[in-house]
């Protein structure tokens, strides 16, 4: 759950999508903010398995976290990714993306 208010999340979304004309451009704007502000790498767990998130990527399905465990790699939708406690810096942009995606 986000510690930011709805108004704060709306302001972040507005900042990310300020010059965007459609949903694809808005998604790209939110991705840019996540990519620029999310502190990577960070450790987390996916299905009880420790992984390292090394970067984020934009795919046709949305924004994904690229998770690594040794030589294995898996893209996980960033909205489905369990975040560690404490969360990495920049997580507010993931919450803004969550808010934006909920309105689709």
C-alpha atoms as a PDB file:
ATOM      1  CA  UNK A   1       0.000   0.000   0.000  1.00  0.00           C
ATOM      2  CA  UNK A   2       1.276   3.435  -0.884  1.00  0.00           C
ATOM      3  CA  UNK A   3       2.132   5.976   1.772  1.00  0.00           C
ATOM      4  CA  UNK A   4       1.255   8.713  -0.730  1.00  0.00           C
ATOM      5  CA  UNK A   5      -2.180  10.299  -0.870  1.00  0.00           C
ATOM      6  CA  UNK A   6      -4.374  10.053  -3.957  1.00  0.00           C
ATOM      7  CA  UNK A   7      -3.623  13.709  -4.694  1.00  0.00           C
ATOM      8  CA  UNK A   8       0.145  13.097  -4.488  1.00  0.00           C
ATOM      9  CA  UNK A   9      -0.126  10.074  -6.797  1.00  0.00           C
ATOM     10  CA  UNK A  10      -2.272  12.067  -9.234  1.00  0.00           C
ATOM     11  CA  UNK A  11       0.378  14.811  -9.255  1.00  0.00           C
ATOM     12  CA  UNK A  12       3.109  12.273 -10.064  1.00  0.00           C
ATOM     13  CA  UNK A  13       1.025  10.803 -12.886  1.00  0.00           C
ATOM     14  CA  UNK A  14       0.354  14.302 -14.232  1.00  0.00           C
ATOM     15  CA  UNK A  15       4.088  15.062 -14.167  1.00  0.00           C
ATOM     16  CA  UNK A  16       4.898  11.863 -16.071  1.00  0.00           C
ATOM     17  CA  UNK A  17       2.229  12.264 -18.761  1.00  0.00           C
ATOM     18  CA  UNK A  18       2.249  16.042 -19.196  1.00  0.00           C
ATOM     19  CA  UNK A  19       2.911  16.074 -22.955  1.00  0.00           C
ATOM     20  CA  UNK A  20       1.402  12.700 -23.858  1.00  0.00           C
ATOM     21  CA  UNK A  21      -1.413  12.306 -26.357  1.00  0.00           C
ATOM     22  CA  UNK A  22      -2.519   8.706 -25.889  1.00  0.00           C
ATOM     23  CA  UNK A  23      -2.168   5.727 -23.532  1.00  0.00           C
ATOM     24  CA  UNK A  24       0.990   4.435 -25.254  1.00  0.00           C
ATOM     25  CA  UNK A  25       2.742   7.765 -24.792  1.00  0.00           C
ATOM     26  CA  UNK A  26       1.518   7.936 -21.191  1.00  0.00           C
ATOM     27  CA  UNK A  27       2.933   4.465 -20.544  1.00  0.00           C
ATOM     28  CA  UNK A  28       6.234   5.583 -22.065  1.00  0.00           C
ATOM     29  CA  UNK A  29       6.237   8.669 -19.842  1.00  0.00           C
ATOM     30  CA  UNK A  30       5.644   6.608 -16.716  1.00  0.00           C
ATOM     31  CA  UNK A  31       8.326   4.143 -17.788  1.00  0.00           C
ATOM     32  CA  UNK A  32      10.817   6.989 -18.228  1.00  0.00           C
ATOM     33  CA  UNK A  33      10.124   8.233 -14.697  1.00  0.00           C
ATOM     34  CA  UNK A  34      10.482   4.742 -13.224  1.00  0.00           C
ATOM     35  CA  UNK A  35      13.661   4.066 -15.187  1.00  0.00           C
ATOM     36  CA  UNK A  36      15.197   7.401 -14.132  1.00  0.00           C
ATOM     37  CA  UNK A  37      14.182   7.297 -10.467  1.00  0.00           C
ATOM     38  CA  UNK A  38      14.000   3.683  -9.279  1.00  0.00           C
ATOM     39  CA  UNK A  39      17.198   2.743  -7.445  1.00  0.00           C
ATOM     40  CA  UNK A  40      18.447  -0.464  -9.033  1.00  0.00           C
ATOM     41  CA  UNK A  41      19.813  -2.980  -8.415  1.00  0.00           C
ATOM     42  CA  UNK A  42      17.846  -4.165  -5.405  1.00  0.00           C
ATOM     43  CA  UNK A  43      17.130  -7.541  -3.836  1.00  0.00           C
ATOM     44  CA  UNK A  44      13.657  -8.993  -3.429  1.00  0.00           C
ATOM     45  CA  UNK A  45      11.918 -12.379  -3.457  1.00  0.00           C
ATOM     46  CA  UNK A  46       9.682 -13.871  -6.119  1.00  0.00           C
ATOM     47  CA  UNK A  47       7.721 -16.921  -4.974  1.00  0.00           C
ATOM     48  CA  UNK A  48      10.132 -17.294  -2.055  1.00  0.00           C
ATOM     49  CA  UNK A  49      13.209 -17.247  -4.278  1.00  0.00           C
ATOM     50  CA  UNK A  50      15.736 -14.431  -3.834  1.00  0.00           C
ATOM     51  CA  UNK A  51      16.317 -12.378  -6.982  1.00  0.00           C
ATOM     52  CA  UNK A  52      18.080  -9.165  -7.943  1.00  0.00           C
ATOM     53  CA  UNK A  53      16.199  -6.549  -9.946  1.00  0.00           C
ATOM     54  CA  UNK A  54      18.843  -4.996 -12.168  1.00  0.00           C
ATOM     55  CA  UNK A  55      16.728  -2.835 -14.474  1.00  0.00           C
ATOM     56  CA  UNK A  56      13.265  -2.122 -15.768  1.00  0.00           C
ATOM     57  CA  UNK A  57      12.079  -2.407 -19.339  1.00  0.00           C
ATOM     58  CA  UNK A  58       9.087  -1.383 -21.416  1.00  0.00           C
ATOM     59  CA  UNK A  59       7.304  -4.194 -23.214  1.00  0.00           C
ATOM     60  CA  UNK A  60       4.019  -4.425 -25.081  1.00  0.00           C
ATOM     61  CA  UNK A  61       2.509  -5.921 -21.917  1.00  0.00           C
ATOM     62  CA  UNK A  62       3.632  -2.944 -19.794  1.00  0.00           C
ATOM     63  CA  UNK A  63       6.546  -2.104 -17.542  1.00  0.00           C
ATOM     64  CA  UNK A  64       8.556  -5.089 -16.314  1.00  0.00           C
ATOM     65  CA  UNK A  65      11.349  -5.634 -13.813  1.00  0.00           C
ATOM     66  CA  UNK A  66      14.221  -7.750 -15.094  1.00  0.00           C
ATOM     67  CA  UNK A  67      14.960 -10.181 -12.286  1.00  0.00           C
ATOM     68  CA  UNK A  68      18.199 -12.162 -12.078  1.00  0.00           C
ATOM     69  CA  UNK A  69      19.170 -15.219 -10.074  1.00  0.00           C
ATOM     70  CA  UNK A  70      22.576 -16.433 -11.072  1.00  0.00           C
ATOM     71  CA  UNK A  71      22.440 -16.966 -14.821  1.00  0.00           C
ATOM     72  CA  UNK A  72      18.632 -17.125 -14.882  1.00  0.00           C
ATOM     73  CA  UNK A  73      16.574 -14.108 -15.894  1.00  0.00           C
ATOM     74  CA  UNK A  74      12.865 -13.468 -15.742  1.00  0.00           C
ATOM     75  CA  UNK A  75      10.780 -10.419 -16.609  1.00  0.00           C
ATOM     76  CA  UNK A  76       8.083  -9.780 -14.001  1.00  0.00           C
ATOM     77  CA  UNK A  77       5.373  -7.156 -14.389  1.00  0.00           C
ATOM     78  CA  UNK A  78       6.449  -4.362 -12.084  1.00  0.00           C
ATOM     79  CA  UNK A  79       2.957  -4.158 -10.567  1.00  0.00           C
ATOM     80  CA  UNK A  80       3.218  -7.866  -9.659  1.00  0.00           C
ATOM     81  CA  UNK A  81       6.720  -7.611  -8.205  1.00  0.00           C
ATOM     82  CA  UNK A  82       6.912  -8.031  -4.412  1.00  0.00           C
ATOM     83  CA  UNK A  83       8.923  -5.080  -3.131  1.00  0.00           C
ATOM     84  CA  UNK A  84      11.408  -5.443  -0.276  1.00  0.00           C
ATOM     85  CA  UNK A  85      11.067  -3.665   3.045  1.00  0.00           C
ATOM     86  CA  UNK A  86      12.434  -1.066   3.011  1.00  0.00           C
ATOM     87  CA  UNK A  87      11.483  -0.357  -0.574  1.00  0.00           C
ATOM     88  CA  UNK A  88      14.120   1.107  -2.906  1.00  0.00           C
ATOM     89  CA  UNK A  89      14.247   4.826  -3.594  1.00  0.00           C
ATOM     90  CA  UNK A  90      11.929   5.865  -6.395  1.00  0.00           C
ATOM     91  CA  UNK A  91       9.199   3.352  -5.579  1.00  0.00           C
ATOM     92  CA  UNK A  92       6.709   6.242  -5.605  1.00  0.00           C
ATOM     93  CA  UNK A  93       6.833   6.077  -9.408  1.00  0.00           C
ATOM     94  CA  UNK A  94       5.720   2.441  -9.347  1.00  0.00           C
ATOM     95  CA  UNK A  95       2.806   3.526  -7.161  1.00  0.00           C
ATOM     96  CA  UNK A  96       1.993   6.313  -9.635  1.00  0.00           C
ATOM     97  CA  UNK A  97       2.026   3.724 -12.441  1.00  0.00           C
ATOM     98  CA  UNK A  98      -0.287   1.513 -10.356  1.00  0.00           C
ATOM     99  CA  UNK A  99      -2.707   4.449  -9.937  1.00  0.00           C
ATOM    100  CA  UNK A 100      -2.602   5.232 -13.660  1.00  0.00           C
ATOM    101  CA  UNK A 101      -3.130   1.581 -14.645  1.00  0.00           C
ATOM    102  CA  UNK A 102      -6.125   1.275 -12.295  1.00  0.00           C
ATOM    103  CA  UNK A 103      -7.905   4.043 -14.241  1.00  0.00           C
ATOM    104  CA  UNK A 104      -7.636   2.221 -17.591  1.00  0.00           C
END
